[in-house]
Amino acid sequence: QVQLAESGGGLVQAGGSLRLSCAASGSIYRVNDMGWHRQAPGKQRELVASITRGGRTTSTDSVKGRFTISRDNVKDMVYLEINNLKPEDTAVYYCAVVLSNGANCWGKGTLVTVSS
């Protein structure tokens, strides 16, 4: 199994920045893609950005140019740099990984609150 622990969330003013971190532990050799999802109050969870083991990234249109995902395969970490935060970015942000067998593992989430 793979365990994921997110950190870096908090309260920030609109226009500010945050860096979310996610540490993976356990059966790391099974991890392929890593990514960040978010769930805003009253909304469905959505994929924000993902990154392959080789470093290829994808992101949803609403965060392009503001969110940057990166990964450190040596430290088994994935990061989400968030700039120019908007109130609509308020959500619980979850780290997730896709294992070699196709299964997903999820962290418990970290709350990001953006005040206007």
C-alpha atoms as a PDB file:
ATOM      1  CA  GLN A   1       0.000   0.000   0.000  1.00  0.00           C
ATOM      2  CA  VAL A   2       0.940   3.652  -0.431  1.00  0.00           C
ATOM      3  CA  GLN A   3       0.308   6.296   2.192  1.00  0.00           C
ATOM      4  CA  LEU A   4       0.007   9.961   1.267  1.00  0.00           C
ATOM      5  CA  ALA A   5       0.305  12.970   3.562  1.00  0.00           C
ATOM      6  CA  GLU A   6      -0.520  16.475   2.345  1.00  0.00           C
ATOM      7  CA  SER A   7       0.645  19.718   3.905  1.00  0.00           C
ATOM      8  CA  GLY A   8       0.786  23.405   3.107  1.00  0.00           C
ATOM      9  CA  GLY A   9      -2.852  24.416   3.124  1.00  0.00           C
ATOM     10  CA  GLY A  10      -4.135  27.431   4.998  1.00  0.00           C
ATOM     11  CA  LEU A  11      -5.894  30.762   4.834  1.00  0.00           C
ATOM     12  CA  VAL A  12      -4.605  33.194   2.246  1.00  0.00           C
ATOM     13  CA  GLN A  13      -5.837  36.424   0.713  1.00  0.00           C
ATOM     14  CA  ALA A  14      -6.871  36.599  -2.902  1.00  0.00           C
ATOM     15  CA  GLY A  15      -3.856  37.140  -5.103  1.00  0.00           C
ATOM     16  CA  GLY A  16      -1.594  35.268  -2.719  1.00  0.00           C
ATOM     17  CA  SER A  17       0.354  32.064  -3.173  1.00  0.00           C
ATOM     18  CA  LEU A  18       0.697  28.689  -1.516  1.00  0.00           C
ATOM     19  CA  ARG A  19       2.786  25.597  -2.017  1.00  0.00           C
ATOM     20  CA  LEU A  20       1.157  22.288  -1.254  1.00  0.00           C
ATOM     21  CA  SER A  21       3.307  19.258  -0.597  1.00  0.00           C
ATOM     22  CA  CYS A  22       2.482  15.576  -0.552  1.00  0.00           C
ATOM     23  CA  ALA A  23       4.778  12.925   0.849  1.00  0.00           C
ATOM     24  CA  ALA A  24       4.349   9.359  -0.340  1.00  0.00           C
ATOM     25  CA  SER A  25       5.459   6.366   1.679  1.00  0.00           C
ATOM     26  CA  GLY A  26       5.034   2.612   1.572  1.00  0.00           C
ATOM     27  CA  SER A  27       5.172   0.695  -1.707  1.00  0.00           C
ATOM     28  CA  ILE A  28       6.549   3.644  -3.693  1.00  0.00           C
ATOM     29  CA  TYR A  29       7.799   1.423  -6.507  1.00  0.00           C
ATOM     30  CA  ARG A  30       4.149   0.902  -7.459  1.00  0.00           C
ATOM     31  CA  VAL A  31       3.439   4.615  -8.015  1.00  0.00           C
ATOM     32  CA  ASN A  32       2.990   5.809 -11.583  1.00  0.00           C
ATOM     33  CA  ASP A  33       1.089   9.074 -11.971  1.00  0.00           C
ATOM     34  CA  MET A  34       0.742  11.564  -9.107  1.00  0.00           C
ATOM     35  CA  GLY A  35      -1.750  14.355  -8.948  1.00  0.00           C
ATOM     36  CA  TRP A  36      -3.803  16.874  -7.079  1.00  0.00           C
ATOM     37  CA  HIS A  37      -7.581  16.991  -6.906  1.00  0.00           C
ATOM     38  CA  ARG A  38      -9.809  19.448  -5.103  1.00  0.00           C
ATOM     39  CA  GLN A  39     -13.315  19.512  -3.742  1.00  0.00           C
ATOM     40  CA  ALA A  40     -15.015  22.825  -3.132  1.00  0.00           C
ATOM     41  CA  PRO A  41     -17.996  23.091  -0.778  1.00  0.00           C
ATOM     42  CA  GLY A  42     -21.066  21.645  -2.438  1.00  0.00           C
ATOM     43  CA  LYS A  43     -19.183  20.543  -5.525  1.00  0.00           C
ATOM     44  CA  GLN A  44     -17.771  17.330  -6.897  1.00  0.00           C
ATOM     45  CA  ARG A  45     -14.115  16.495  -6.576  1.00  0.00           C
ATOM     46  CA  GLU A  46     -12.151  17.504  -9.660  1.00  0.00           C
ATOM     47  CA  LEU A  47      -8.693  16.778 -10.994  1.00  0.00           C
ATOM     48  CA  VAL A  48      -6.521  19.890 -10.835  1.00  0.00           C
ATOM     49  CA  ALA A  49      -3.207  18.655 -12.184  1.00  0.00           C
ATOM     50  CA  SER A  50      -1.275  15.458 -12.678  1.00  0.00           C
ATOM     51  CA  ILE A  51       2.275  14.435 -13.470  1.00  0.00           C
ATOM     52  CA  THR A  52       3.722  11.205 -14.788  1.00  0.00           C
ATOM     53  CA  ARG A  53       6.829   9.528 -13.426  1.00  0.00           C
ATOM     54  CA  GLY A  54       8.668  10.986 -16.407  1.00  0.00           C
ATOM     55  CA  GLY A  55       7.506  14.525 -15.622  1.00  0.00           C
ATOM     56  CA  ARG A  56       4.776  15.050 -18.192  1.00  0.00           C
ATOM     57  CA  THR A  57       2.080  17.288 -16.734  1.00  0.00           C
ATOM     58  CA  THR A  58      -1.558  18.023 -17.376  1.00  0.00           C
ATOM     59  CA  SER A  59      -3.863  20.519 -15.698  1.00  0.00           C
ATOM     60  CA  THR A  60      -7.432  21.655 -15.881  1.00  0.00           C
ATOM     61  CA  ASP A  61      -8.110  24.811 -17.873  1.00  0.00           C
ATOM     62  CA  SER A  62      -9.266  26.865 -14.901  1.00  0.00           C
ATOM     63  CA  VAL A  63      -5.829  26.683 -13.261  1.00  0.00           C
ATOM     64  CA  LYS A  64      -3.527  26.881 -16.269  1.00  0.00           C
ATOM     65  CA  GLY A  65      -0.964  29.624 -15.806  1.00  0.00           C
ATOM     66  CA  ARG A  66      -1.568  29.777 -12.037  1.00  0.00           C
ATOM     67  CA  PHE A  67      -0.958  26.247 -10.749  1.00  0.00           C
ATOM     68  CA  THR A  68       2.238  24.305 -11.309  1.00  0.00           C
ATOM     69  CA  ILE A  69       2.665  20.652 -10.399  1.00  0.00           C
ATOM     70  CA  SER A  70       6.087  19.142  -9.854  1.00  0.00           C
ATOM     71  CA  ARG A  71       7.482  15.905  -8.565  1.00  0.00           C
ATOM     72  CA  ASP A  72      10.630  14.678  -6.867  1.00  0.00           C
ATOM     73  CA  ASN A  73      11.042  10.961  -7.516  1.00  0.00           C
ATOM     74  CA  VAL A  74      14.025  10.754  -5.169  1.00  0.00           C
ATOM     75  CA  LYS A  75      12.131  12.209  -2.203  1.00  0.00           C
ATOM     76  CA  ASP A  76       8.817  10.621  -3.248  1.00  0.00           C
ATOM     77  CA  MET A  77       7.108  13.999  -3.126  1.00  0.00           C
ATOM     78  CA  VAL A  78       4.662  15.849  -5.320  1.00  0.00           C
ATOM     79  CA  TYR A  79       4.070  19.575  -5.076  1.00  0.00           C
ATOM     80  CA  LEU A  80       1.465  22.057  -6.222  1.00  0.00           C
ATOM     81  CA  GLU A  81       2.556  25.662  -6.515  1.00  0.00           C
ATOM     82  CA  ILE A  82      -0.506  27.887  -6.494  1.00  0.00           C
ATOM     83  CA  ASN A  83      -0.248  31.528  -7.515  1.00  0.00           C
ATOM     84  CA  ASN A  84      -2.752  34.365  -7.865  1.00  0.00           C
ATOM     85  CA  LEU A  85      -5.243  32.545  -5.682  1.00  0.00           C
ATOM     86  CA  LYS A  86      -8.915  33.328  -6.173  1.00  0.00           C
ATOM     87  CA  PRO A  87     -11.822  32.833  -3.778  1.00  0.00           C
ATOM     88  CA  GLU A  88     -13.133  30.103  -6.089  1.00  0.00           C
ATOM     89  CA  ASP A  89      -9.958  28.120  -5.411  1.00  0.00           C
ATOM     90  CA  THR A  90     -11.213  27.529  -1.881  1.00  0.00           C
ATOM     91  CA  ALA A  91     -11.409  23.772  -1.471  1.00  0.00           C
ATOM     92  CA  VAL A  92      -9.932  20.732   0.172  1.00  0.00           C
ATOM     93  CA  TYR A  93      -6.977  19.685  -1.931  1.00  0.00           C
ATOM     94  CA  TYR A  94      -6.211  15.978  -2.139  1.00  0.00           C
ATOM     95  CA  CYS A  95      -3.066  14.266  -3.255  1.00  0.00           C
ATOM     96  CA  ALA A  96      -3.632  11.095  -5.247  1.00  0.00           C
ATOM     97  CA  VAL A  97      -1.495   8.524  -6.983  1.00  0.00           C
ATOM     98  CA  VAL A  98      -2.159   5.868  -9.568  1.00  0.00           C
ATOM     99  CA  LEU A  99      -0.462   2.575  -8.855  1.00  0.00           C
ATOM    100  CA  SER A 100       1.000   0.155 -11.371  1.00  0.00           C
ATOM    101  CA  ASN A 101      -2.120  -2.019 -11.090  1.00  0.00           C
ATOM    102  CA  GLY A 102      -4.377   0.948 -11.923  1.00  0.00           C
ATOM    103  CA  ALA A 103      -5.634   1.456  -8.376  1.00  0.00           C
ATOM    104  CA  ASN A 104      -5.840   4.928  -6.840  1.00  0.00           C
ATOM    105  CA  CYS A 105      -4.616   5.978  -3.413  1.00  0.00           C
ATOM    106  CA  TRP A 106      -5.720   9.179  -1.733  1.00  0.00           C
ATOM    107  CA  GLY A 107      -4.443  11.430   0.988  1.00  0.00           C
ATOM    108  CA  LYS A 108      -6.728  12.907   3.640  1.00  0.00           C
ATOM    109  CA  GLY A 109      -6.600  16.378   2.119  1.00  0.00           C
ATOM    110  CA  THR A 110      -5.481  19.839   3.110  1.00  0.00           C
ATOM    111  CA  LEU A 111      -7.818  22.819   3.256  1.00  0.00           C
ATOM    112  CA  VAL A 112      -7.108  25.943   1.241  1.00  0.00           C
ATOM    113  CA  THR A 113      -9.253  28.958   2.049  1.00  0.00           C
ATOM    114  CA  VAL A 114      -8.969  32.109  -0.039  1.00  0.00           C
ATOM    115  CA  SER A 115     -10.429  35.300   1.342  1.00  0.00           C
ATOM    116  CA  SER A 116     -11.525  38.134  -0.905  1.00  0.00           C
END
